[in-house]
Amino acid sequence: MSESNGVAGWKSRRRRANVEGGRMHRHVIKVTPEEEARLVQIAEKHRVTVARLLVESALSEGGETPSERRDQFMELSNLARLVGTVANNINQVARHANSTSEIPADAAASITHAKSVIYRVDRLLAAMAGR
C-alpha cells in the first residue's frame, strides 16, 4: 500500500507509507483502559492510527508530529483560498464604488467577512508561534 503522488495521500492517510524491506522491529506496550481511551481519542482527532500516533509522537523533534503539521498546512491552504476570495470581493466592491460613485449594499458584509478571515489568520499564526 505505498502512497501515491496524488494530493489525497497527504490529506487523508491514516497509516504510514510502506518502506522498502518492511519494518523489522516490533514493540508491544500495555496500557490501562483509561490510557487506551485517551490514545484512541487523540489518534482520531489527528486522523491517524494509535500506532502511528505513538511513533510520530516519540520520534518528533520539538513536540510537533507530521500529522499536526499536515493539519496546519491544510488550515493554511484553506485560509489562503479564503484570502483570495475576500480580496476578489473587496476588489469588486471597490470597482463598483469607483465606477458608479455608490457603495454597494453588500459592502459591509464583504468587509466583515474580510475582517473575520484576517482574525482567523492572526489566531492561527499566534497559535503556531506559541510553541
N, C-alpha and C. Protein backbone atom coordinates (compact mmCIF):
# COMPACT_ATOMS: atom_id res chain seq x y z
N MET A 1 0.82 -1.20 0.00
CA MET A 1 0.00 0.00 0.00
C MET A 1 0.86 1.25 0.00
N SER A 2 1.68 1.40 -0.96
CA SER A 2 2.51 2.59 -0.97
C SER A 2 1.67 3.79 -1.35
N GLU A 3 2.08 4.92 -0.85
CA GLU A 3 1.35 6.16 -1.06
C GLU A 3 1.63 6.69 -2.46
N SER A 4 0.58 7.11 -3.15
CA SER A 4 0.75 7.65 -4.49
C SER A 4 1.21 9.10 -4.40
N ASN A 5 1.56 9.65 -5.52
CA ASN A 5 1.99 11.05 -5.57
C ASN A 5 0.81 12.01 -5.60
N GLY A 6 -0.41 11.49 -5.55
CA GLY A 6 -1.59 12.34 -5.62
C GLY A 6 -1.78 13.18 -4.38
N VAL A 7 -2.64 14.15 -4.50
CA VAL A 7 -2.90 15.08 -3.41
C VAL A 7 -3.61 14.39 -2.25
N ALA A 8 -4.46 13.42 -2.52
CA ALA A 8 -5.25 12.80 -1.46
C ALA A 8 -4.38 12.10 -0.44
N GLY A 9 -3.19 11.64 -0.82
CA GLY A 9 -2.32 10.90 0.09
C GLY A 9 -1.96 11.67 1.34
N TRP A 10 -1.47 12.90 1.20
CA TRP A 10 -1.05 13.64 2.37
C TRP A 10 -2.23 14.20 3.15
N LYS A 11 -3.40 14.22 2.54
CA LYS A 11 -4.57 14.76 3.23
C LYS A 11 -5.26 13.73 4.12
N SER A 12 -5.28 12.47 3.70
CA SER A 12 -6.18 11.55 4.37
C SER A 12 -5.55 10.25 4.84
N ARG A 13 -4.29 10.05 4.67
CA ARG A 13 -3.68 8.77 5.01
C ARG A 13 -3.60 8.58 6.52
N ARG A 14 -4.15 7.47 7.01
CA ARG A 14 -4.11 7.16 8.43
C ARG A 14 -2.86 6.35 8.77
N ARG A 15 -2.51 5.41 7.91
CA ARG A 15 -1.35 4.56 8.15
C ARG A 15 -0.11 5.19 7.54
N ARG A 16 1.04 4.79 8.07
CA ARG A 16 2.29 5.25 7.47
C ARG A 16 2.53 4.50 6.17
N ALA A 17 3.22 5.14 5.24
CA ALA A 17 3.53 4.51 3.95
C ALA A 17 4.48 3.34 4.16
N ASN A 18 4.35 2.33 3.32
CA ASN A 18 5.25 1.19 3.39
C ASN A 18 6.67 1.64 3.08
N VAL A 19 7.63 0.92 3.66
CA VAL A 19 9.04 1.19 3.39
C VAL A 19 9.65 -0.03 2.74
N GLU A 20 10.65 0.20 1.91
CA GLU A 20 11.31 -0.90 1.21
C GLU A 20 11.96 -1.82 2.24
N GLY A 21 11.72 -3.10 2.12
CA GLY A 21 12.27 -4.07 3.07
C GLY A 21 11.39 -4.28 4.29
N GLY A 22 10.38 -3.46 4.46
CA GLY A 22 9.47 -3.61 5.59
C GLY A 22 10.04 -3.08 6.89
N ARG A 23 9.26 -3.15 7.91
CA ARG A 23 9.70 -2.74 9.25
C ARG A 23 10.03 -4.00 10.03
N MET A 24 11.26 -4.10 10.46
CA MET A 24 11.77 -5.33 11.07
C MET A 24 11.53 -5.43 12.57
N HIS A 25 11.31 -4.32 13.21
CA HIS A 25 11.21 -4.33 14.67
C HIS A 25 9.78 -4.04 15.10
N ARG A 26 9.40 -4.71 16.18
CA ARG A 26 8.05 -4.56 16.70
C ARG A 26 8.14 -4.33 18.20
N HIS A 27 7.31 -3.44 18.70
CA HIS A 27 7.27 -3.14 20.13
C HIS A 27 5.85 -3.35 20.62
N VAL A 28 5.72 -4.01 21.74
CA VAL A 28 4.42 -4.26 22.33
C VAL A 28 4.37 -3.48 23.64
N ILE A 29 3.30 -2.71 23.81
CA ILE A 29 3.12 -1.97 25.05
C ILE A 29 1.76 -2.30 25.63
N LYS A 30 1.65 -2.19 26.92
CA LYS A 30 0.37 -2.41 27.58
C LYS A 30 -0.05 -1.10 28.22
N VAL A 31 -1.33 -0.78 28.08
CA VAL A 31 -1.86 0.46 28.63
C VAL A 31 -3.13 0.14 29.42
N THR A 32 -3.48 1.04 30.30
CA THR A 32 -4.71 0.88 31.06
C THR A 32 -5.88 1.22 30.15
N PRO A 33 -7.09 0.85 30.55
CA PRO A 33 -8.25 1.24 29.75
C PRO A 33 -8.38 2.76 29.58
N GLU A 34 -8.02 3.52 30.61
CA GLU A 34 -8.08 4.98 30.52
C GLU A 34 -7.06 5.50 29.52
N GLU A 35 -5.84 4.94 29.55
CA GLU A 35 -4.81 5.35 28.61
C GLU A 35 -5.22 4.99 27.18
N GLU A 36 -5.81 3.81 27.02
CA GLU A 36 -6.26 3.39 25.69
C GLU A 36 -7.32 4.34 25.15
N ALA A 37 -8.27 4.71 25.99
CA ALA A 37 -9.32 5.63 25.57
C ALA A 37 -8.72 6.97 25.14
N ARG A 38 -7.76 7.44 25.92
CA ARG A 38 -7.12 8.73 25.59
C ARG A 38 -6.32 8.63 24.29
N LEU A 39 -5.58 7.53 24.10
CA LEU A 39 -4.81 7.33 22.87
C LEU A 39 -5.72 7.28 21.65
N VAL A 40 -6.82 6.55 21.77
CA VAL A 40 -7.78 6.44 20.66
C VAL A 40 -8.37 7.81 20.35
N GLN A 41 -8.70 8.55 21.39
CA GLN A 41 -9.28 9.89 21.21
C GLN A 41 -8.30 10.81 20.48
N ILE A 42 -7.06 10.82 20.88
CA ILE A 42 -6.06 11.68 20.24
C ILE A 42 -5.80 11.22 18.81
N ALA A 43 -5.71 9.90 18.59
CA ALA A 43 -5.47 9.38 17.25
C ALA A 43 -6.62 9.75 16.30
N GLU A 44 -7.84 9.64 16.78
CA GLU A 44 -8.99 10.02 15.95
C GLU A 44 -8.99 11.51 15.65
N LYS A 45 -8.59 12.30 16.62
CA LYS A 45 -8.51 13.75 16.42
C LYS A 45 -7.56 14.08 15.28
N HIS A 46 -6.43 13.37 15.21
CA HIS A 46 -5.43 13.63 14.17
C HIS A 46 -5.63 12.74 12.94
N ARG A 47 -6.68 11.91 12.96
CA ARG A 47 -7.00 11.02 11.84
C ARG A 47 -5.84 10.10 11.48
N VAL A 48 -5.25 9.49 12.51
CA VAL A 48 -4.19 8.51 12.33
C VAL A 48 -4.48 7.31 13.22
N THR A 49 -3.73 6.23 13.01
CA THR A 49 -3.87 5.08 13.90
C THR A 49 -3.13 5.34 15.20
N VAL A 50 -3.43 4.55 16.23
CA VAL A 50 -2.75 4.70 17.51
C VAL A 50 -1.25 4.41 17.33
N ALA A 51 -0.93 3.38 16.55
CA ALA A 51 0.48 3.05 16.33
C ALA A 51 1.22 4.22 15.68
N ARG A 52 0.61 4.81 14.67
CA ARG A 52 1.26 5.95 14.00
C ARG A 52 1.40 7.12 14.95
N LEU A 53 0.38 7.36 15.76
CA LEU A 53 0.43 8.44 16.75
C LEU A 53 1.61 8.25 17.69
N LEU A 54 1.78 7.04 18.19
CA LEU A 54 2.86 6.77 19.14
C LEU A 54 4.24 6.95 18.50
N VAL A 55 4.40 6.44 17.29
CA VAL A 55 5.69 6.56 16.61
C VAL A 55 6.00 8.02 16.31
N GLU A 56 5.03 8.74 15.74
CA GLU A 56 5.25 10.15 15.40
C GLU A 56 5.54 10.98 16.65
N SER A 57 4.80 10.72 17.70
CA SER A 57 4.99 11.49 18.94
C SER A 57 6.36 11.24 19.54
N ALA A 58 6.79 9.99 19.53
CA ALA A 58 8.07 9.65 20.13
C ALA A 58 9.25 10.15 19.30
N LEU A 59 9.11 10.14 17.98
CA LEU A 59 10.23 10.50 17.11
C LEU A 59 10.23 11.95 16.66
N SER A 60 9.19 12.69 16.98
CA SER A 60 9.14 14.08 16.54
C SER A 60 10.07 14.93 17.40
N GLU A 61 10.71 15.88 16.73
CA GLU A 61 11.57 16.82 17.45
C GLU A 61 10.79 18.11 17.64
N GLY A 62 10.82 18.64 18.83
CA GLY A 62 10.10 19.88 19.09
C GLY A 62 8.64 19.67 19.45
N GLY A 63 8.21 18.42 19.61
CA GLY A 63 6.85 18.15 20.04
C GLY A 63 5.79 18.24 18.98
N GLU A 64 6.16 18.44 17.72
CA GLU A 64 5.17 18.57 16.66
C GLU A 64 5.25 17.33 15.77
N THR A 65 4.12 16.68 15.57
CA THR A 65 4.09 15.48 14.74
C THR A 65 3.80 15.84 13.29
N PRO A 66 4.16 14.96 12.37
CA PRO A 66 3.82 15.20 10.97
C PRO A 66 2.32 15.37 10.74
N SER A 67 1.51 14.67 11.50
CA SER A 67 0.06 14.81 11.37
C SER A 67 -0.39 16.21 11.76
N GLU A 68 0.20 16.75 12.81
CA GLU A 68 -0.14 18.11 13.22
C GLU A 68 0.30 19.12 12.16
N ARG A 69 1.50 18.90 11.58
CA ARG A 69 1.96 19.78 10.51
C ARG A 69 1.02 19.70 9.31
N ARG A 70 0.55 18.48 8.98
CA ARG A 70 -0.38 18.32 7.86
C ARG A 70 -1.66 19.09 8.13
N ASP A 71 -2.18 18.99 9.36
CA ASP A 71 -3.40 19.73 9.71
C ASP A 71 -3.18 21.23 9.59
N GLN A 72 -2.02 21.72 10.04
CA GLN A 72 -1.72 23.14 9.93
C GLN A 72 -1.59 23.56 8.47
N PHE A 73 -0.96 22.71 7.66
CA PHE A 73 -0.82 23.02 6.23
C PHE A 73 -2.19 23.11 5.58
N MET A 74 -3.08 22.19 5.92
CA MET A 74 -4.42 22.21 5.34
C MET A 74 -5.17 23.46 5.77
N GLU A 75 -5.03 23.85 7.04
CA GLU A 75 -5.69 25.06 7.53
C GLU A 75 -5.14 26.29 6.81
N LEU A 76 -3.82 26.35 6.64
CA LEU A 76 -3.23 27.47 5.92
C LEU A 76 -3.67 27.50 4.45
N SER A 77 -3.80 26.33 3.84
CA SER A 77 -4.28 26.26 2.46
C SER A 77 -5.70 26.80 2.36
N ASN A 78 -6.55 26.41 3.31
CA ASN A 78 -7.92 26.91 3.33
C ASN A 78 -7.95 28.43 3.52
N LEU A 79 -7.08 28.91 4.41
CA LEU A 79 -7.03 30.35 4.65
C LEU A 79 -6.53 31.10 3.42
N ALA A 80 -5.56 30.54 2.72
CA ALA A 80 -5.05 31.19 1.51
C ALA A 80 -6.17 31.31 0.47
N ARG A 81 -6.96 30.26 0.33
CA ARG A 81 -8.09 30.30 -0.60
C ARG A 81 -9.10 31.36 -0.16
N LEU A 82 -9.39 31.41 1.13
CA LEU A 82 -10.33 32.41 1.64
C LEU A 82 -9.82 33.83 1.42
N VAL A 83 -8.53 34.05 1.64
CA VAL A 83 -7.96 35.38 1.44
C VAL A 83 -8.12 35.79 -0.02
N GLY A 84 -7.90 34.87 -0.95
CA GLY A 84 -8.10 35.17 -2.37
C GLY A 84 -9.54 35.53 -2.67
N THR A 85 -10.47 34.79 -2.09
CA THR A 85 -11.89 35.08 -2.29
C THR A 85 -12.26 36.45 -1.72
N VAL A 86 -11.77 36.72 -0.52
CA VAL A 86 -12.06 38.00 0.12
C VAL A 86 -11.47 39.15 -0.68
N ALA A 87 -10.24 38.99 -1.15
CA ALA A 87 -9.61 40.05 -1.94
C ALA A 87 -10.41 40.31 -3.22
N ASN A 88 -10.89 39.25 -3.84
CA ASN A 88 -11.70 39.41 -5.04
C ASN A 88 -13.00 40.17 -4.72
N ASN A 89 -13.66 39.82 -3.62
CA ASN A 89 -14.89 40.51 -3.24
C ASN A 89 -14.66 41.99 -2.97
N ILE A 90 -13.61 42.29 -2.22
CA ILE A 90 -13.30 43.69 -1.90
C ILE A 90 -12.96 44.45 -3.18
N ASN A 91 -12.24 43.81 -4.10
CA ASN A 91 -11.90 44.44 -5.38
C ASN A 91 -13.17 44.76 -6.17
N GLN A 92 -14.14 43.84 -6.17
CA GLN A 92 -15.39 44.09 -6.88
C GLN A 92 -16.17 45.24 -6.26
N VAL A 93 -16.17 45.29 -4.93
CA VAL A 93 -16.85 46.40 -4.24
C VAL A 93 -16.19 47.72 -4.61
N ALA A 94 -14.85 47.76 -4.58
CA ALA A 94 -14.13 48.99 -4.90
C ALA A 94 -14.36 49.40 -6.36
N ARG A 95 -14.34 48.43 -7.27
CA ARG A 95 -14.57 48.73 -8.69
C ARG A 95 -15.96 49.33 -8.89
N HIS A 96 -16.95 48.73 -8.24
CA HIS A 96 -18.32 49.24 -8.36
C HIS A 96 -18.41 50.66 -7.79
N ALA A 97 -17.81 50.87 -6.60
CA ALA A 97 -17.86 52.19 -5.97
C ALA A 97 -17.16 53.23 -6.83
N ASN A 98 -16.04 52.86 -7.45
CA ASN A 98 -15.30 53.82 -8.28
C ASN A 98 -16.05 54.15 -9.57
N SER A 99 -16.73 53.17 -10.14
CA SER A 99 -17.39 53.42 -11.43
C SER A 99 -18.75 54.09 -11.28
N THR A 100 -19.43 53.88 -10.17
CA THR A 100 -20.77 54.44 -10.01
C THR A 100 -20.87 55.50 -8.93
N SER A 101 -19.80 55.70 -8.18
CA SER A 101 -19.79 56.62 -7.03
C SER A 101 -20.82 56.22 -5.97
N GLU A 102 -21.19 54.93 -5.95
CA GLU A 102 -22.11 54.40 -4.95
C GLU A 102 -21.44 53.22 -4.25
N ILE A 103 -21.72 53.10 -2.97
CA ILE A 103 -21.21 51.95 -2.22
C ILE A 103 -22.26 50.86 -2.30
N PRO A 104 -21.89 49.67 -2.78
CA PRO A 104 -22.87 48.58 -2.91
C PRO A 104 -23.44 48.17 -1.56
N ALA A 105 -24.63 47.60 -1.59
CA ALA A 105 -25.31 47.19 -0.36
C ALA A 105 -24.55 46.09 0.37
N ASP A 106 -23.84 45.23 -0.37
CA ASP A 106 -23.14 44.12 0.26
C ASP A 106 -21.72 44.49 0.70
N ALA A 107 -21.35 45.76 0.64
CA ALA A 107 -20.00 46.18 1.01
C ALA A 107 -19.72 45.88 2.48
N ALA A 108 -20.66 46.16 3.35
CA ALA A 108 -20.45 45.92 4.78
C ALA A 108 -20.23 44.44 5.07
N ALA A 109 -21.00 43.59 4.41
CA ALA A 109 -20.83 42.15 4.62
C ALA A 109 -19.47 41.67 4.11
N SER A 110 -19.02 42.21 2.98
CA SER A 110 -17.71 41.84 2.44
C SER A 110 -16.59 42.28 3.37
N ILE A 111 -16.70 43.45 3.91
CA ILE A 111 -15.67 43.95 4.83
C ILE A 111 -15.68 43.15 6.12
N THR A 112 -16.86 42.81 6.62
CA THR A 112 -16.96 41.99 7.83
C THR A 112 -16.33 40.62 7.60
N HIS A 113 -16.59 40.04 6.44
CA HIS A 113 -16.00 38.75 6.11
C HIS A 113 -14.48 38.86 6.01
N ALA A 114 -13.99 39.92 5.41
CA ALA A 114 -12.54 40.14 5.31
C ALA A 114 -11.91 40.23 6.69
N LYS A 115 -12.56 40.96 7.59
CA LYS A 115 -12.04 41.08 8.96
C LYS A 115 -12.01 39.73 9.66
N SER A 116 -13.05 38.92 9.47
CA SER A 116 -13.08 37.61 10.14
C SER A 116 -11.97 36.71 9.62
N VAL A 117 -11.68 36.78 8.32
CA VAL A 117 -10.57 35.97 7.78
C VAL A 117 -9.24 36.46 8.33
N ILE A 118 -9.06 37.76 8.42
CA ILE A 118 -7.82 38.32 8.97
C ILE A 118 -7.65 37.89 10.43
N TYR A 119 -8.71 37.93 11.21
CA TYR A 119 -8.63 37.49 12.60
C TYR A 119 -8.29 36.00 12.68
N ARG A 120 -8.87 35.22 11.78
CA ARG A 120 -8.59 33.78 11.76
C ARG A 120 -7.12 33.51 11.44
N VAL A 121 -6.57 34.24 10.49
CA VAL A 121 -5.15 34.12 10.16
C VAL A 121 -4.30 34.51 11.37
N ASP A 122 -4.66 35.61 12.02
CA ASP A 122 -3.91 36.06 13.20
C ASP A 122 -3.93 35.01 14.31
N ARG A 123 -5.10 34.40 14.55
CA ARG A 123 -5.20 33.37 15.59
C ARG A 123 -4.33 32.17 15.27
N LEU A 124 -4.35 31.74 14.00
CA LEU A 124 -3.54 30.59 13.61
C LEU A 124 -2.05 30.89 13.74
N LEU A 125 -1.64 32.08 13.31
CA LEU A 125 -0.23 32.44 13.43
C LEU A 125 0.19 32.55 14.90
N ALA A 126 -0.69 33.09 15.73
CA ALA A 126 -0.38 33.19 17.16
C ALA A 126 -0.23 31.80 17.78
N ALA A 127 -1.11 30.89 17.38
CA ALA A 127 -1.03 29.52 17.90
C ALA A 127 0.25 28.84 17.45
N MET A 128 0.64 29.07 16.20
CA MET A 128 1.87 28.46 15.69
C MET A 128 3.09 29.05 16.35
N ALA A 129 3.08 30.34 16.68
CA ALA A 129 4.21 31.00 17.33
C ALA A 129 4.33 30.62 18.80
N GLY A 130 3.23 30.15 19.38
CA GLY A 130 3.21 29.82 20.80
C GLY A 130 3.95 28.55 21.19
N ARG A 131 4.51 27.86 20.25
CA ARG A 131 5.23 26.61 20.57
C ARG A 131 6.53 26.85 21.23
